[in-house]
Each structure stands twice: as structure tokens, then as C-alpha cells.
Amino acid sequence: MAETPQQSVARRKVRQGVVTSSSRDKTITVRIDTKAPHPIYGKTVRRSTKLHVHDERNEANVGDLVRVIECRPLSKLKRWRLSDIVERAR
């Protein structure tokens, strides 16, 4: 049974995080916070990772809650692009 092109293509990953830096042109840094139980002790451990995100119109500012989506490599570090701004910083 042959696969159709739609079946072999995976959905793009979507993440939500807080903008920590917007000083570069068309690029923002987003911190993604996760909570997961420790594999042995069971205690909830908080972890975070930083992503470099493409922001074409420079619309996100520090403190904004944003949604980012996976894309093709845009530079050495950028593999994500800004999808939308969920909540503006106060």
C-alpha cells in the first residue's frame, strides 16, 4: 500500500513561551518553560529552553506570551517562526 504525500508529512510542532529578548532585527528569543516529574524521585522539576524565533515584522516585545511554529532552517540558530502573540506584556 503506497503512502500519499499527505500521510508522510508530519504536523509542525507548536510551542508557547515568553519573549526574553527582542533587540535583534527580525529575531526574538523565546523561553519555553516545562514541568515534568523526575524519572526516579517523582518530584516535579521545572526546566526551560531558549529558542531563536523569526519575527518578520518586529512586532513582539519583551514579556509577551507568544506562540511559535517549527519551520525550515532560516539561519544557523533559527528553526522557528512567530505564529501569533497570545498576550501582550503589561
N, C-alpha and C. Protein backbone atom coordinates (compact mmCIF):
# COMPACT_ATOMS: atom_id res chain seq x y z
N MET A 1 0.84 -1.19 0.00
CA MET A 1 0.00 0.00 0.00
C MET A 1 0.88 1.25 0.00
N ALA A 2 0.76 2.10 -0.98
CA ALA A 2 1.58 3.29 -1.11
C ALA A 2 1.02 4.43 -0.27
N GLU A 3 1.95 5.21 0.30
CA GLU A 3 1.53 6.37 1.08
C GLU A 3 1.29 7.56 0.17
N THR A 4 0.27 8.32 0.48
CA THR A 4 0.05 9.57 -0.24
C THR A 4 0.95 10.62 0.39
N PRO A 5 1.27 11.71 -0.32
CA PRO A 5 2.15 12.74 0.25
C PRO A 5 1.64 13.32 1.57
N GLN A 6 0.33 13.42 1.76
CA GLN A 6 -0.21 13.99 2.99
C GLN A 6 0.04 13.07 4.19
N GLN A 7 0.06 11.78 3.99
CA GLN A 7 0.25 10.85 5.10
C GLN A 7 1.68 10.85 5.62
N SER A 8 2.65 11.09 4.75
CA SER A 8 4.04 11.02 5.17
C SER A 8 4.54 12.32 5.81
N VAL A 9 3.83 13.41 5.64
CA VAL A 9 4.26 14.70 6.20
C VAL A 9 3.73 14.83 7.62
N ALA A 10 4.64 15.12 8.56
CA ALA A 10 4.26 15.27 9.96
C ALA A 10 3.76 16.69 10.22
N ARG A 11 2.94 16.82 11.25
CA ARG A 11 2.49 18.15 11.65
C ARG A 11 3.65 18.92 12.25
N ARG A 12 3.63 20.24 12.07
CA ARG A 12 4.69 21.07 12.62
C ARG A 12 4.48 21.27 14.10
N LYS A 13 5.57 21.29 14.85
CA LYS A 13 5.49 21.48 16.29
C LYS A 13 5.10 22.91 16.60
N VAL A 14 4.27 23.09 17.63
CA VAL A 14 3.85 24.41 18.08
C VAL A 14 4.19 24.53 19.55
N ARG A 15 4.82 25.62 19.95
CA ARG A 15 5.18 25.85 21.34
C ARG A 15 4.70 27.23 21.77
N GLN A 16 4.57 27.42 23.08
CA GLN A 16 4.15 28.71 23.62
C GLN A 16 5.14 29.12 24.69
N GLY A 17 5.58 30.38 24.66
CA GLY A 17 6.57 30.83 25.61
C GLY A 17 6.60 32.34 25.74
N VAL A 18 7.55 32.81 26.55
CA VAL A 18 7.67 34.24 26.87
C VAL A 18 8.89 34.80 26.16
N VAL A 19 8.74 35.98 25.57
CA VAL A 19 9.85 36.65 24.88
C VAL A 19 10.82 37.20 25.92
N THR A 20 12.10 36.81 25.82
CA THR A 20 13.11 37.30 26.76
C THR A 20 14.00 38.37 26.13
N SER A 21 14.08 38.40 24.79
CA SER A 21 14.91 39.39 24.11
C SER A 21 14.32 39.69 22.74
N SER A 22 14.31 40.98 22.39
CA SER A 22 13.84 41.37 21.06
C SER A 22 14.75 42.44 20.47
N SER A 23 16.02 42.45 20.88
CA SER A 23 16.93 43.50 20.46
C SER A 23 17.48 43.32 19.05
N ARG A 24 17.46 42.08 18.52
CA ARG A 24 17.98 41.84 17.18
C ARG A 24 16.90 42.08 16.13
N ASP A 25 17.34 42.43 14.94
CA ASP A 25 16.40 42.71 13.85
C ASP A 25 15.77 41.41 13.34
N LYS A 26 14.43 41.34 13.34
CA LYS A 26 13.65 40.21 12.85
C LYS A 26 13.90 38.91 13.62
N THR A 27 14.44 39.01 14.83
CA THR A 27 14.70 37.82 15.64
C THR A 27 14.34 38.11 17.09
N ILE A 28 13.65 37.15 17.71
CA ILE A 28 13.37 37.24 19.14
C ILE A 28 13.85 35.96 19.81
N THR A 29 14.11 36.05 21.11
CA THR A 29 14.46 34.88 21.90
C THR A 29 13.29 34.56 22.79
N VAL A 30 12.83 33.30 22.76
CA VAL A 30 11.65 32.87 23.50
C VAL A 30 12.05 31.78 24.49
N ARG A 31 11.61 31.94 25.75
CA ARG A 31 11.86 30.93 26.78
C ARG A 31 10.64 30.03 26.91
N ILE A 32 10.84 28.72 26.74
CA ILE A 32 9.78 27.73 26.85
C ILE A 32 9.96 27.03 28.20
N ASP A 33 8.98 27.16 29.10
CA ASP A 33 9.04 26.52 30.40
C ASP A 33 8.27 25.21 30.38
N THR A 34 8.85 24.16 30.97
CA THR A 34 8.18 22.87 31.06
C THR A 34 8.29 22.34 32.49
N LYS A 35 7.29 21.57 32.89
CA LYS A 35 7.31 20.88 34.17
C LYS A 35 7.14 19.40 33.90
N ALA A 36 8.00 18.59 34.52
CA ALA A 36 7.92 17.15 34.33
C ALA A 36 8.35 16.46 35.61
N PRO A 37 7.78 15.30 35.91
CA PRO A 37 8.22 14.58 37.10
C PRO A 37 9.62 13.98 36.90
N HIS A 38 10.42 14.00 37.95
CA HIS A 38 11.75 13.40 37.91
C HIS A 38 11.59 11.89 37.70
N PRO A 39 12.39 11.28 36.81
CA PRO A 39 12.18 9.87 36.50
C PRO A 39 12.33 8.92 37.69
N ILE A 40 13.16 9.25 38.66
CA ILE A 40 13.37 8.38 39.81
C ILE A 40 12.60 8.85 41.03
N TYR A 41 12.72 10.15 41.37
CA TYR A 41 12.18 10.65 42.64
C TYR A 41 10.75 11.13 42.56
N GLY A 42 10.25 11.41 41.36
CA GLY A 42 8.86 11.79 41.22
C GLY A 42 8.56 13.25 41.47
N LYS A 43 9.52 13.99 42.02
CA LYS A 43 9.29 15.42 42.27
C LYS A 43 9.15 16.17 40.95
N THR A 44 8.26 17.15 40.89
CA THR A 44 8.09 17.96 39.69
C THR A 44 9.29 18.88 39.52
N VAL A 45 9.94 18.77 38.38
CA VAL A 45 11.14 19.56 38.09
C VAL A 45 10.79 20.55 36.99
N ARG A 46 11.17 21.81 37.19
CA ARG A 46 10.95 22.83 36.17
C ARG A 46 12.18 22.95 35.30
N ARG A 47 11.97 22.96 33.99
CA ARG A 47 13.06 23.13 33.04
C ARG A 47 12.65 24.19 32.03
N SER A 48 13.64 24.80 31.41
CA SER A 48 13.32 25.77 30.36
C SER A 48 14.34 25.63 29.24
N THR A 49 13.92 26.02 28.04
CA THR A 49 14.80 26.03 26.89
C THR A 49 14.57 27.33 26.13
N LYS A 50 15.63 27.84 25.51
CA LYS A 50 15.52 29.08 24.76
C LYS A 50 15.55 28.78 23.27
N LEU A 51 14.63 29.40 22.54
CA LEU A 51 14.56 29.25 21.09
C LEU A 51 14.80 30.61 20.43
N HIS A 52 15.48 30.59 19.30
CA HIS A 52 15.64 31.80 18.48
C HIS A 52 14.55 31.74 17.43
N VAL A 53 13.72 32.78 17.38
CA VAL A 53 12.49 32.77 16.57
C VAL A 53 12.52 33.91 15.57
N HIS A 54 12.07 33.62 14.34
CA HIS A 54 11.99 34.64 13.29
C HIS A 54 10.72 35.46 13.47
N ASP A 55 10.89 36.77 13.59
CA ASP A 55 9.78 37.71 13.75
C ASP A 55 9.88 38.72 12.60
N GLU A 56 9.21 38.43 11.49
CA GLU A 56 9.36 39.20 10.26
C GLU A 56 9.06 40.68 10.43
N ARG A 57 8.00 41.03 11.19
CA ARG A 57 7.58 42.43 11.31
C ARG A 57 8.03 43.11 12.59
N ASN A 58 8.89 42.48 13.37
CA ASN A 58 9.37 43.02 14.65
C ASN A 58 8.22 43.46 15.55
N GLU A 59 7.19 42.61 15.68
CA GLU A 59 6.00 43.01 16.45
C GLU A 59 6.00 42.52 17.89
N ALA A 60 6.83 41.56 18.25
CA ALA A 60 6.86 41.04 19.63
C ALA A 60 7.85 41.83 20.47
N ASN A 61 7.48 42.06 21.74
CA ASN A 61 8.34 42.77 22.67
C ASN A 61 8.64 41.88 23.87
N VAL A 62 9.60 42.30 24.68
CA VAL A 62 9.98 41.53 25.87
C VAL A 62 8.79 41.38 26.80
N GLY A 63 8.55 40.16 27.27
CA GLY A 63 7.46 39.88 28.20
C GLY A 63 6.19 39.38 27.54
N ASP A 64 6.09 39.48 26.22
CA ASP A 64 4.90 38.99 25.51
C ASP A 64 4.83 37.47 25.56
N LEU A 65 3.63 36.93 25.67
CA LEU A 65 3.41 35.49 25.57
C LEU A 65 3.10 35.20 24.10
N VAL A 66 3.93 34.37 23.47
CA VAL A 66 3.81 34.14 22.04
C VAL A 66 3.69 32.65 21.72
N ARG A 67 3.13 32.37 20.55
CA ARG A 67 3.05 31.01 20.03
C ARG A 67 3.98 30.94 18.83
N VAL A 68 4.86 29.92 18.82
CA VAL A 68 5.82 29.76 17.73
C VAL A 68 5.59 28.42 17.04
N ILE A 69 5.98 28.35 15.78
CA ILE A 69 5.76 27.15 14.98
C ILE A 69 7.08 26.76 14.31
N GLU A 70 7.30 25.47 14.20
CA GLU A 70 8.51 24.94 13.59
C GLU A 70 8.53 25.25 12.10
N CYS A 71 9.71 25.50 11.55
CA CYS A 71 9.83 25.77 10.11
C CYS A 71 11.20 25.29 9.63
N ARG A 72 11.47 25.51 8.37
CA ARG A 72 12.76 25.14 7.80
C ARG A 72 13.86 26.00 8.43
N PRO A 73 15.12 25.57 8.38
CA PRO A 73 16.20 26.39 8.93
C PRO A 73 16.30 27.73 8.21
N LEU A 74 16.25 28.82 9.00
CA LEU A 74 16.33 30.16 8.43
C LEU A 74 17.72 30.76 8.60
N SER A 75 18.47 30.28 9.58
CA SER A 75 19.85 30.70 9.80
C SER A 75 20.52 29.62 10.63
N LYS A 76 21.69 29.92 11.16
CA LYS A 76 22.42 28.93 11.95
C LYS A 76 21.62 28.48 13.17
N LEU A 77 20.91 29.39 13.81
CA LEU A 77 20.18 29.07 15.04
C LEU A 77 18.67 29.07 14.90
N LYS A 78 18.12 29.77 13.91
CA LYS A 78 16.66 29.93 13.81
C LYS A 78 16.01 28.79 13.05
N ARG A 79 15.13 28.04 13.77
CA ARG A 79 14.33 26.97 13.16
C ARG A 79 12.86 27.14 13.51
N TRP A 80 12.49 28.27 14.06
CA TRP A 80 11.12 28.54 14.48
C TRP A 80 10.72 29.91 13.96
N ARG A 81 9.40 30.10 13.75
CA ARG A 81 8.91 31.43 13.36
C ARG A 81 7.72 31.80 14.23
N LEU A 82 7.50 33.08 14.37
CA LEU A 82 6.41 33.58 15.19
C LEU A 82 5.07 33.29 14.53
N SER A 83 4.17 32.64 15.26
CA SER A 83 2.84 32.34 14.74
C SER A 83 1.89 33.47 15.11
N ASP A 84 1.76 33.74 16.40
CA ASP A 84 0.93 34.86 16.85
C ASP A 84 1.29 35.24 18.27
N ILE A 85 0.85 36.44 18.66
CA ILE A 85 1.08 36.93 20.02
C ILE A 85 -0.18 36.62 20.82
N VAL A 86 -0.04 35.78 21.84
CA VAL A 86 -1.19 35.34 22.65
C VAL A 86 -1.60 36.45 23.61
N GLU A 87 -0.59 37.05 24.29
CA GLU A 87 -0.88 38.08 25.29
C GLU A 87 0.25 39.08 25.33
N ARG A 88 -0.08 40.36 25.29
CA ARG A 88 0.91 41.42 25.36
C ARG A 88 1.39 41.62 26.79
N ALA A 89 2.63 42.08 26.95
CA ALA A 89 3.17 42.38 28.28
C ALA A 89 2.51 43.65 28.80
N ARG A 90 2.38 43.72 30.10
CA ARG A 90 1.74 44.91 30.69
C ARG A 90 2.74 45.98 30.98
